[in-house]
Amino acid sequence: IMPWVHVPGMLMKDAGARAIMFANKIQTRRELPPPLRIQNVRIYRGVIPLYKDALFIAPNAQVQGNVILGHNVSIFYHSYIRNYHLTIPTTIGDNTVVADRTTFMGQIKVGHDVFIGVGCSIDMCEILNNVYVSHGCAIEYGCVIEDGAVLALGTVLRKDTRVKTNEYWAGNPGKFVCNVDEVI
């Protein structure tokens, strides 16, 4: 294959990306980030992730689809944040850290000042503000984790579990252990 054969394909890809950006500008007032050639932030069916104020997105992390990242969000290595729903976004609040090898699947709402540890699997749930999710946790769909809660190492929250404000949970399946105030 000749070395210049890929040029028309790249021109078509750039023209398509520009058309999508123009269409988004017509439909919404949200300001899009400048176009980058990094492959870790990807468009899905014309929906571009909003990540302009993100502090750090690792070169091999992937953010794809309808995702909105808040100010000072850090997404570390081998993490995958995907949302293929076109109308309901995955939102990650300000000052949140998503550690290595963490996977987000579906429509997830994460509040501000949240730490999500290494190797977590999070599926269609809601995590409110000031929550600490330790390493290796699995949160199934329908779960709600309220303000100030803490999940211990390897905690598995089964479907539709509600962790109340300032509670400490541990185990597989996850169970209430004590209030966070009692631990300190």
N, C-alpha and C. Protein backbone atom coordinates (compact mmCIF):
# COMPACT_ATOMS: atom_id res chain seq x y z
N ILE A 1 0.85 -1.18 0.00
CA ILE A 1 0.00 0.00 0.00
C ILE A 1 0.89 1.23 0.00
N MET A 2 0.49 2.18 -0.80
CA MET A 2 1.23 3.43 -0.89
C MET A 2 1.10 4.22 0.42
N PRO A 3 2.13 4.95 0.80
CA PRO A 3 2.07 5.68 2.07
C PRO A 3 1.05 6.82 2.09
N TRP A 4 0.57 7.28 0.98
CA TRP A 4 -0.38 8.41 0.93
C TRP A 4 -1.83 7.96 0.89
N VAL A 5 -2.11 6.68 0.92
CA VAL A 5 -3.46 6.16 0.79
C VAL A 5 -4.35 6.57 1.99
N HIS A 6 -3.78 6.72 3.16
CA HIS A 6 -4.56 7.05 4.35
C HIS A 6 -5.02 8.51 4.38
N VAL A 7 -4.46 9.36 3.54
CA VAL A 7 -4.77 10.80 3.57
C VAL A 7 -6.26 11.09 3.33
N PRO A 8 -6.93 10.52 2.30
CA PRO A 8 -8.36 10.82 2.13
C PRO A 8 -9.21 10.40 3.33
N GLY A 9 -8.86 9.30 3.94
CA GLY A 9 -9.60 8.85 5.12
C GLY A 9 -9.46 9.83 6.28
N MET A 10 -8.26 10.33 6.51
CA MET A 10 -8.06 11.30 7.59
C MET A 10 -8.78 12.61 7.29
N LEU A 11 -8.81 13.03 6.02
CA LEU A 11 -9.53 14.25 5.66
C LEU A 11 -11.03 14.09 5.91
N MET A 12 -11.58 12.92 5.57
CA MET A 12 -13.00 12.66 5.81
C MET A 12 -13.30 12.64 7.31
N LYS A 13 -12.41 12.04 8.09
CA LYS A 13 -12.61 11.98 9.55
C LYS A 13 -12.61 13.38 10.14
N ASP A 14 -11.66 14.23 9.73
CA ASP A 14 -11.60 15.60 10.23
C ASP A 14 -12.83 16.41 9.81
N ALA A 15 -13.28 16.23 8.57
CA ALA A 15 -14.47 16.94 8.10
C ALA A 15 -15.70 16.50 8.89
N GLY A 16 -15.81 15.21 9.18
CA GLY A 16 -16.93 14.71 9.98
C GLY A 16 -16.91 15.26 11.38
N ALA A 17 -15.72 15.33 12.00
CA ALA A 17 -15.61 15.88 13.36
C ALA A 17 -16.00 17.35 13.37
N ARG A 18 -15.58 18.10 12.36
CA ARG A 18 -15.95 19.52 12.28
C ARG A 18 -17.46 19.68 12.09
N ALA A 19 -18.08 18.83 11.27
CA ALA A 19 -19.53 18.90 11.07
C ALA A 19 -20.27 18.61 12.37
N ILE A 20 -19.80 17.64 13.14
CA ILE A 20 -20.43 17.30 14.42
C ILE A 20 -20.29 18.47 15.40
N MET A 21 -19.13 19.09 15.44
CA MET A 21 -18.93 20.24 16.33
C MET A 21 -19.84 21.39 15.94
N PHE A 22 -20.00 21.61 14.63
CA PHE A 22 -20.88 22.68 14.16
C PHE A 22 -22.33 22.38 14.55
N ALA A 23 -22.76 21.13 14.38
CA ALA A 23 -24.13 20.75 14.73
C ALA A 23 -24.38 20.90 16.23
N ASN A 24 -23.40 20.53 17.07
CA ASN A 24 -23.54 20.71 18.52
C ASN A 24 -23.63 22.18 18.90
N LYS A 25 -22.87 23.02 18.20
CA LYS A 25 -22.90 24.45 18.48
C LYS A 25 -24.27 25.04 18.16
N ILE A 26 -24.93 24.52 17.12
CA ILE A 26 -26.27 24.99 16.77
C ILE A 26 -27.29 24.54 17.82
N GLN A 27 -27.18 23.31 18.33
CA GLN A 27 -28.17 22.72 19.22
C GLN A 27 -28.04 23.15 20.67
N THR A 28 -26.85 23.46 21.15
CA THR A 28 -26.66 23.70 22.57
C THR A 28 -25.73 24.89 22.80
N ARG A 29 -25.81 25.45 23.99
CA ARG A 29 -24.93 26.56 24.34
C ARG A 29 -23.68 26.09 25.08
N ARG A 30 -23.62 24.79 25.38
CA ARG A 30 -22.43 24.29 26.08
C ARG A 30 -21.21 24.48 25.18
N GLU A 31 -20.15 25.02 25.76
CA GLU A 31 -18.95 25.23 24.98
C GLU A 31 -18.18 23.92 24.86
N LEU A 32 -17.82 23.56 23.65
CA LEU A 32 -17.08 22.33 23.43
C LEU A 32 -15.60 22.55 23.65
N PRO A 33 -14.90 21.52 24.07
CA PRO A 33 -13.45 21.65 24.21
C PRO A 33 -12.81 21.78 22.83
N PRO A 34 -11.60 22.31 22.77
CA PRO A 34 -10.95 22.41 21.47
C PRO A 34 -10.69 21.02 20.90
N PRO A 35 -10.72 20.88 19.56
CA PRO A 35 -10.50 19.55 18.97
C PRO A 35 -9.08 19.07 19.24
N LEU A 36 -8.98 17.84 19.69
CA LEU A 36 -7.68 17.24 19.95
C LEU A 36 -7.55 15.96 19.13
N ARG A 37 -6.36 15.56 18.90
CA ARG A 37 -6.14 14.32 18.17
C ARG A 37 -5.88 13.15 19.12
N ILE A 38 -6.15 13.37 20.41
CA ILE A 38 -5.98 12.25 21.34
C ILE A 38 -7.14 11.29 21.13
N GLN A 39 -6.86 10.04 21.21
CA GLN A 39 -7.89 9.04 20.96
C GLN A 39 -8.58 8.58 22.23
N ASN A 40 -8.23 9.13 23.40
CA ASN A 40 -8.87 8.65 24.62
C ASN A 40 -10.18 9.37 24.92
N VAL A 41 -10.49 10.46 24.25
CA VAL A 41 -11.76 11.13 24.40
C VAL A 41 -12.49 10.95 23.07
N ARG A 42 -13.58 10.18 23.07
CA ARG A 42 -14.19 9.77 21.81
C ARG A 42 -15.64 10.21 21.69
N ILE A 43 -16.03 10.47 20.46
CA ILE A 43 -17.40 10.85 20.12
C ILE A 43 -18.20 9.57 19.92
N TYR A 44 -19.45 9.56 20.40
CA TYR A 44 -20.35 8.44 20.12
C TYR A 44 -21.66 9.00 19.59
N ARG A 45 -22.01 8.66 18.40
CA ARG A 45 -23.23 9.12 17.73
C ARG A 45 -23.42 10.63 17.83
N GLY A 46 -22.36 11.35 17.62
CA GLY A 46 -22.43 12.80 17.60
C GLY A 46 -22.38 13.47 18.95
N VAL A 47 -22.25 12.71 20.03
CA VAL A 47 -22.20 13.30 21.37
C VAL A 47 -20.74 13.33 21.81
N ILE A 48 -20.26 14.53 22.07
CA ILE A 48 -18.87 14.70 22.45
C ILE A 48 -18.79 14.86 23.98
N PRO A 49 -17.92 14.11 24.66
CA PRO A 49 -17.75 14.31 26.10
C PRO A 49 -17.25 15.71 26.39
N LEU A 50 -17.77 16.33 27.46
CA LEU A 50 -17.33 17.66 27.86
C LEU A 50 -16.31 17.51 28.97
N TYR A 51 -15.10 17.95 28.71
CA TYR A 51 -14.01 17.72 29.64
C TYR A 51 -13.06 18.90 29.74
N LYS A 52 -13.48 20.07 29.35
CA LYS A 52 -12.57 21.20 29.22
C LYS A 52 -11.84 21.54 30.52
N ASP A 53 -12.52 21.49 31.64
CA ASP A 53 -11.90 21.89 32.90
C ASP A 53 -11.33 20.71 33.68
N ALA A 54 -11.26 19.54 33.05
CA ALA A 54 -10.72 18.37 33.74
C ALA A 54 -9.24 18.61 34.03
N LEU A 55 -8.81 18.21 35.22
CA LEU A 55 -7.43 18.42 35.61
C LEU A 55 -6.50 17.45 34.90
N PHE A 56 -6.88 16.16 34.89
CA PHE A 56 -5.99 15.16 34.32
C PHE A 56 -6.81 14.01 33.76
N ILE A 57 -6.56 13.67 32.51
CA ILE A 57 -7.09 12.46 31.90
C ILE A 57 -5.88 11.70 31.38
N ALA A 58 -5.63 10.53 31.92
CA ALA A 58 -4.45 9.75 31.54
C ALA A 58 -4.49 9.43 30.05
N PRO A 59 -3.31 9.31 29.44
CA PRO A 59 -3.27 9.04 27.99
C PRO A 59 -3.94 7.74 27.58
N ASN A 60 -3.99 6.75 28.47
CA ASN A 60 -4.62 5.49 28.09
C ASN A 60 -5.97 5.27 28.77
N ALA A 61 -6.52 6.30 29.41
CA ALA A 61 -7.89 6.24 29.93
C ALA A 61 -8.84 6.58 28.78
N GLN A 62 -10.08 6.11 28.86
CA GLN A 62 -11.04 6.41 27.79
C GLN A 62 -12.29 7.04 28.37
N VAL A 63 -12.69 8.14 27.75
CA VAL A 63 -13.94 8.82 28.07
C VAL A 63 -14.72 8.84 26.77
N GLN A 64 -15.89 8.21 26.76
CA GLN A 64 -16.62 8.04 25.51
C GLN A 64 -18.11 8.26 25.70
N GLY A 65 -18.71 9.01 24.78
CA GLY A 65 -20.15 9.19 24.77
C GLY A 65 -20.59 10.41 25.54
N ASN A 66 -21.76 10.34 26.14
CA ASN A 66 -22.41 11.46 26.80
C ASN A 66 -21.90 11.58 28.24
N VAL A 67 -20.72 12.19 28.39
CA VAL A 67 -20.05 12.31 29.68
C VAL A 67 -19.73 13.78 29.92
N ILE A 68 -20.00 14.26 31.13
CA ILE A 68 -19.66 15.63 31.50
C ILE A 68 -18.76 15.56 32.73
N LEU A 69 -17.55 16.08 32.60
CA LEU A 69 -16.59 16.09 33.70
C LEU A 69 -16.55 17.48 34.31
N GLY A 70 -16.54 17.57 35.64
CA GLY A 70 -16.50 18.84 36.34
C GLY A 70 -15.09 19.41 36.42
N HIS A 71 -14.94 20.46 37.20
CA HIS A 71 -13.64 21.11 37.39
C HIS A 71 -12.72 20.20 38.19
N ASN A 72 -11.46 20.19 37.85
CA ASN A 72 -10.41 19.47 38.58
C ASN A 72 -10.69 17.98 38.75
N VAL A 73 -11.30 17.35 37.76
CA VAL A 73 -11.51 15.91 37.79
C VAL A 73 -10.25 15.22 37.29
N SER A 74 -9.83 14.17 37.98
CA SER A 74 -8.66 13.39 37.56
C SER A 74 -9.10 11.97 37.25
N ILE A 75 -8.76 11.51 36.05
CA ILE A 75 -9.08 10.15 35.63
C ILE A 75 -7.75 9.47 35.33
N PHE A 76 -7.42 8.43 36.11
CA PHE A 76 -6.12 7.83 35.99
C PHE A 76 -6.10 6.66 35.01
N TYR A 77 -4.99 5.99 34.95
CA TYR A 77 -4.64 5.04 33.90
C TYR A 77 -5.57 3.84 33.82
N HIS A 78 -5.85 3.44 32.59
CA HIS A 78 -6.67 2.27 32.25
C HIS A 78 -8.10 2.37 32.79
N SER A 79 -8.59 3.57 33.02
CA SER A 79 -9.97 3.75 33.46
C SER A 79 -10.85 3.97 32.24
N TYR A 80 -12.09 3.46 32.30
CA TYR A 80 -13.02 3.57 31.19
C TYR A 80 -14.32 4.18 31.68
N ILE A 81 -14.69 5.30 31.09
CA ILE A 81 -15.96 5.95 31.42
C ILE A 81 -16.75 6.01 30.13
N ARG A 82 -17.83 5.22 30.06
CA ARG A 82 -18.63 5.14 28.84
C ARG A 82 -20.09 5.36 29.18
N ASN A 83 -20.74 6.12 28.30
CA ASN A 83 -22.18 6.29 28.42
C ASN A 83 -22.73 6.39 27.00
N TYR A 84 -23.47 5.40 26.59
CA TYR A 84 -24.01 5.37 25.24
C TYR A 84 -25.43 5.89 25.16
N HIS A 85 -25.97 6.39 26.27
CA HIS A 85 -27.32 6.97 26.25
C HIS A 85 -27.20 8.38 25.70
N LEU A 86 -28.06 8.74 24.76
CA LEU A 86 -27.90 10.02 24.08
C LEU A 86 -28.49 11.20 24.83
N THR A 87 -29.42 10.98 25.76
CA THR A 87 -30.06 12.11 26.43
C THR A 87 -29.67 12.24 27.90
N ILE A 88 -29.38 11.15 28.60
CA ILE A 88 -29.03 11.23 30.02
C ILE A 88 -27.52 11.09 30.15
N PRO A 89 -26.83 12.15 30.61
CA PRO A 89 -25.36 12.09 30.67
C PRO A 89 -24.85 11.41 31.94
N THR A 90 -23.62 10.94 31.86
CA THR A 90 -22.87 10.56 33.05
C THR A 90 -22.17 11.82 33.51
N THR A 91 -22.39 12.21 34.76
CA THR A 91 -21.76 13.44 35.26
C THR A 91 -20.82 13.10 36.41
N ILE A 92 -19.67 13.73 36.39
CA ILE A 92 -18.70 13.57 37.47
C ILE A 92 -18.41 14.96 38.00
N GLY A 93 -18.67 15.16 39.29
CA GLY A 93 -18.59 16.48 39.91
C GLY A 93 -17.17 16.98 40.11
N ASP A 94 -17.08 18.18 40.64
CA ASP A 94 -15.81 18.86 40.85
C ASP A 94 -14.93 18.13 41.86
N ASN A 95 -13.61 18.24 41.65
CA ASN A 95 -12.58 17.71 42.58
C ASN A 95 -12.73 16.22 42.85
N THR A 96 -13.11 15.47 41.85
CA THR A 96 -13.29 14.02 42.00
C THR A 96 -12.11 13.29 41.39
N VAL A 97 -11.70 12.19 42.04
CA VAL A 97 -10.59 11.38 41.55
C VAL A 97 -11.12 10.00 41.21
N VAL A 98 -10.85 9.55 39.99
CA VAL A 98 -11.17 8.20 39.55
C VAL A 98 -9.83 7.49 39.35
N ALA A 99 -9.52 6.53 40.21
CA ALA A 99 -8.20 5.90 40.20
C ALA A 99 -8.08 4.86 39.07
N ASP A 100 -6.94 4.21 39.01
CA ASP A 100 -6.60 3.27 37.93
C ASP A 100 -7.58 2.11 37.81
N ARG A 101 -7.76 1.66 36.56
CA ARG A 101 -8.53 0.45 36.22
C ARG A 101 -9.96 0.48 36.74
N THR A 102 -10.58 1.64 36.76
CA THR A 102 -11.97 1.77 37.19
C THR A 102 -12.86 1.84 35.96
N THR A 103 -14.02 1.19 36.02
CA THR A 103 -14.94 1.16 34.89
C THR A 103 -16.28 1.73 35.30
N PHE A 104 -16.76 2.69 34.51
CA PHE A 104 -18.10 3.25 34.66
C PHE A 104 -18.95 2.72 33.51
N MET A 105 -20.12 2.18 33.80
CA MET A 105 -21.00 1.69 32.75
C MET A 105 -22.38 2.31 32.92
N GLY A 106 -22.86 2.99 31.90
CA GLY A 106 -24.21 3.54 31.94
C GLY A 106 -24.28 4.94 32.52
N GLN A 107 -25.49 5.33 32.86
CA GLN A 107 -25.75 6.68 33.37
C GLN A 107 -25.44 6.71 34.86
N ILE A 108 -24.38 7.43 35.20
CA ILE A 108 -23.91 7.49 36.58
C ILE A 108 -23.79 8.95 36.97
N LYS A 109 -24.22 9.27 38.18
CA LYS A 109 -24.05 10.63 38.71
C LYS A 109 -23.11 10.54 39.90
N VAL A 110 -22.01 11.26 39.80
CA VAL A 110 -21.02 11.32 40.88
C VAL A 110 -20.95 12.76 41.34
N GLY A 111 -21.05 12.99 42.63
CA GLY A 111 -21.02 14.34 43.19
C GLY A 111 -19.60 14.89 43.26
N HIS A 112 -19.45 15.96 44.03
CA HIS A 112 -18.13 16.58 44.14
C HIS A 112 -17.34 16.00 45.31
N ASP A 113 -16.02 16.15 45.25
CA ASP A 113 -15.09 15.69 46.29
C ASP A 113 -15.24 14.20 46.60
N VAL A 114 -15.28 13.39 45.56
CA VAL A 114 -15.43 11.94 45.69
C VAL A 114 -14.11 11.28 45.30
N PHE A 115 -13.72 10.24 46.03
CA PHE A 115 -12.58 9.42 45.64
C PHE A 115 -13.09 8.03 45.31
N ILE A 116 -12.74 7.55 44.11
CA ILE A 116 -13.11 6.20 43.68
C ILE A 116 -11.80 5.44 43.47
N GLY A 117 -11.61 4.38 44.22
CA GLY A 117 -10.33 3.67 44.27
C GLY A 117 -10.01 2.83 43.06
N VAL A 118 -8.88 2.17 43.14
CA VAL A 118 -8.34 1.34 42.06
C VAL A 118 -9.21 0.11 41.83
N GLY A 119 -9.50 -0.20 40.57
CA GLY A 119 -10.18 -1.43 40.21
C GLY A 119 -11.65 -1.51 40.56
N CYS A 120 -12.32 -0.40 40.63
CA CYS A 120 -13.75 -0.41 40.96
C CYS A 120 -14.58 -0.60 39.69
N SER A 121 -15.75 -1.18 39.87
CA SER A 121 -16.71 -1.36 38.79
C SER A 121 -18.01 -0.71 39.22
N ILE A 122 -18.45 0.29 38.47
CA ILE A 122 -19.62 1.07 38.86
C ILE A 122 -20.63 1.04 37.72
N ASP A 123 -21.87 0.67 38.05
CA ASP A 123 -22.88 0.45 37.02
C ASP A 123 -24.18 1.18 37.37
N MET A 124 -24.54 2.21 36.60
CA MET A 124 -25.82 2.92 36.69
C MET A 124 -26.28 3.17 38.12
N CYS A 125 -25.57 4.04 38.81
CA CYS A 125 -25.91 4.35 40.19
C CYS A 125 -25.72 5.84 40.45
N GLU A 126 -25.92 6.24 41.69
CA GLU A 126 -25.75 7.63 42.07
C GLU A 126 -24.86 7.69 43.31
N ILE A 127 -23.78 8.44 43.19
CA ILE A 127 -22.85 8.63 44.30
C ILE A 127 -22.87 10.12 44.62
N LEU A 128 -23.27 10.48 45.82
CA LEU A 128 -23.39 11.89 46.18
C LEU A 128 -22.05 12.47 46.63
N ASN A 129 -22.04 13.55 47.37
CA ASN A 129 -20.83 14.31 47.68
C ASN A 129 -20.02 13.73 48.82
N ASN A 130 -18.69 13.98 48.78
CA ASN A 130 -17.75 13.63 49.85
C ASN A 130 -17.77 12.14 50.19
N VAL A 131 -17.83 11.30 49.20
CA VAL A 131 -17.88 9.85 49.40
C VAL A 131 -16.51 9.26 49.12
N TYR A 132 -16.13 8.25 49.89
CA TYR A 132 -14.87 7.52 49.68
C TYR A 132 -15.22 6.08 49.32
N VAL A 133 -14.92 5.71 48.07
CA VAL A 133 -15.12 4.34 47.61
C VAL A 133 -13.74 3.72 47.52
N SER A 134 -13.47 2.75 48.37
CA SER A 134 -12.14 2.17 48.44
C SER A 134 -11.85 1.27 47.24
N HIS A 135 -10.67 0.70 47.22
CA HIS A 135 -10.20 -0.10 46.09
C HIS A 135 -10.99 -1.40 45.94
N GLY A 136 -11.23 -1.80 44.69
CA GLY A 136 -11.85 -3.08 44.39
C GLY A 136 -13.33 -3.18 44.68
N CYS A 137 -14.02 -2.08 44.82
CA CYS A 137 -15.46 -2.12 45.10
C CYS A 137 -16.26 -2.34 43.82
N ALA A 138 -17.40 -2.98 43.96
CA ALA A 138 -18.34 -3.16 42.85
C ALA A 138 -19.69 -2.60 43.29
N ILE A 139 -20.20 -1.67 42.50
CA ILE A 139 -21.48 -1.04 42.82
C ILE A 139 -22.43 -1.36 41.68
N GLU A 140 -23.48 -2.12 41.97
CA GLU A 140 -24.41 -2.54 40.93
C GLU A 140 -25.46 -1.47 40.68
N TYR A 141 -26.25 -1.67 39.63
CA TYR A 141 -27.19 -0.65 39.20
C TYR A 141 -28.28 -0.39 40.23
N GLY A 142 -28.70 0.87 40.27
CA GLY A 142 -29.76 1.28 41.18
C GLY A 142 -29.30 1.68 42.57
N CYS A 143 -28.01 1.55 42.88
CA CYS A 143 -27.51 1.90 44.21
C CYS A 143 -27.44 3.41 44.37
N VAL A 144 -27.62 3.86 45.60
CA VAL A 144 -27.45 5.27 45.94
C VAL A 144 -26.54 5.34 47.15
N ILE A 145 -25.47 6.11 47.03
CA ILE A 145 -24.53 6.30 48.14
C ILE A 145 -24.62 7.77 48.54
N GLU A 146 -25.10 8.03 49.74
CA GLU A 146 -25.36 9.40 50.18
C GLU A 146 -24.09 10.07 50.71
N ASP A 147 -24.22 11.35 51.06
CA ASP A 147 -23.09 12.20 51.46
C ASP A 147 -22.27 11.60 52.59
N GLY A 148 -20.94 11.69 52.45
CA GLY A 148 -20.03 11.32 53.52
C GLY A 148 -19.89 9.84 53.80
N ALA A 149 -20.43 8.97 52.97
CA ALA A 149 -20.35 7.52 53.21
C ALA A 149 -18.97 7.00 52.83
N VAL A 150 -18.62 5.85 53.39
CA VAL A 150 -17.34 5.21 53.12
C VAL A 150 -17.59 3.74 52.83
N LEU A 151 -17.00 3.23 51.74
CA LEU A 151 -17.05 1.81 51.42
C LEU A 151 -15.66 1.22 51.64
N ALA A 152 -15.57 0.11 52.37
CA ALA A 152 -14.29 -0.52 52.67
C ALA A 152 -13.76 -1.26 51.44
N LEU A 153 -12.53 -1.78 51.57
CA LEU A 153 -11.90 -2.52 50.48
C LEU A 153 -12.77 -3.68 50.01
N GLY A 154 -12.97 -3.79 48.71
CA GLY A 154 -13.66 -4.93 48.12
C GLY A 154 -15.14 -5.04 48.42
N THR A 155 -15.77 -3.98 48.85
CA THR A 155 -17.20 -4.02 49.15
C THR A 155 -18.00 -4.19 47.87
N VAL A 156 -18.99 -5.06 47.91
CA VAL A 156 -19.88 -5.26 46.77
C VAL A 156 -21.29 -4.84 47.20
N LEU A 157 -21.79 -3.81 46.56
CA LEU A 157 -23.16 -3.37 46.83
C LEU A 157 -24.08 -3.99 45.80
N ARG A 158 -25.02 -4.79 46.26
CA ARG A 158 -25.98 -5.43 45.37
C ARG A 158 -26.99 -4.41 44.85
N LYS A 159 -27.73 -4.79 43.87
CA LYS A 159 -28.71 -3.94 43.19
C LYS A 159 -29.65 -3.24 44.17
N ASP A 160 -29.89 -1.95 43.89
CA ASP A 160 -30.84 -1.11 44.64
C ASP A 160 -30.52 -0.95 46.12
N THR A 161 -29.25 -1.02 46.49
CA THR A 161 -28.84 -0.80 47.88
C THR A 161 -28.72 0.70 48.12
N ARG A 162 -29.10 1.15 49.30
CA ARG A 162 -28.98 2.56 49.66
C ARG A 162 -28.07 2.68 50.88
N VAL A 163 -26.94 3.37 50.68
CA VAL A 163 -26.01 3.64 51.77
C VAL A 163 -26.33 5.04 52.28
N LYS A 164 -26.73 5.16 53.53
CA LYS A 164 -27.18 6.46 54.06
C LYS A 164 -26.00 7.34 54.45
N THR A 165 -26.32 8.57 54.78
CA THR A 165 -25.32 9.59 55.10
C THR A 165 -24.39 9.13 56.23
N ASN A 166 -23.08 9.30 56.01
CA ASN A 166 -22.03 9.01 56.99
C ASN A 166 -22.02 7.57 57.50
N GLU A 167 -22.36 6.62 56.66
CA GLU A 167 -22.30 5.20 57.04
C GLU A 167 -21.05 4.56 56.48
N TYR A 168 -20.56 3.55 57.20
CA TYR A 168 -19.39 2.77 56.80
C TYR A 168 -19.88 1.37 56.46
N TRP A 169 -19.64 0.93 55.20
CA TRP A 169 -20.09 -0.37 54.75
C TRP A 169 -18.90 -1.23 54.35
N ALA A 170 -19.04 -2.55 54.54
CA ALA A 170 -17.98 -3.48 54.18
C ALA A 170 -18.59 -4.83 53.84
N GLY A 171 -17.83 -5.66 53.11
CA GLY A 171 -18.22 -7.04 52.86
C GLY A 171 -18.76 -7.31 51.48
N ASN A 172 -19.01 -8.62 51.24
CA ASN A 172 -19.60 -9.08 50.00
C ASN A 172 -20.70 -10.07 50.36
N PRO A 173 -21.94 -9.72 50.29
CA PRO A 173 -22.51 -8.43 49.90
C PRO A 173 -22.29 -7.39 50.99
N GLY A 174 -22.27 -6.13 50.59
CA GLY A 174 -22.00 -5.04 51.51
C GLY A 174 -23.05 -4.92 52.61
N LYS A 175 -22.57 -4.68 53.81
CA LYS A 175 -23.46 -4.53 54.97
C LYS A 175 -23.00 -3.34 55.80
N PHE A 176 -23.95 -2.74 56.47
CA PHE A 176 -23.66 -1.62 57.36
C PHE A 176 -22.83 -2.11 58.53
N VAL A 177 -21.72 -1.40 58.81
CA VAL A 177 -20.85 -1.77 59.93
C VAL A 177 -21.04 -0.77 61.08
N CYS A 178 -20.89 0.51 60.79
CA CYS A 178 -21.03 1.53 61.81
C CYS A 178 -21.14 2.90 61.13
N ASN A 179 -21.33 3.93 61.92
CA ASN A 179 -21.30 5.29 61.38
C ASN A 179 -19.85 5.75 61.28
N VAL A 180 -19.59 6.63 60.33
CA VAL A 180 -18.23 7.13 60.14
C VAL A 180 -17.77 7.89 61.37
N ASP A 181 -18.66 8.55 62.06
CA ASP A 181 -18.31 9.30 63.27
C ASP A 181 -17.78 8.39 64.37
N GLU A 182 -18.24 7.14 64.42
CA GLU A 182 -17.80 6.19 65.44
C GLU A 182 -16.40 5.68 65.16
N VAL A 183 -15.99 5.66 63.90
CA VAL A 183 -14.68 5.14 63.53
C VAL A 183 -13.59 6.11 63.93
N ILE A 184 -13.86 7.40 63.85
CA ILE A 184 -12.84 8.41 64.11
C ILE A 184 -12.58 8.57 65.55
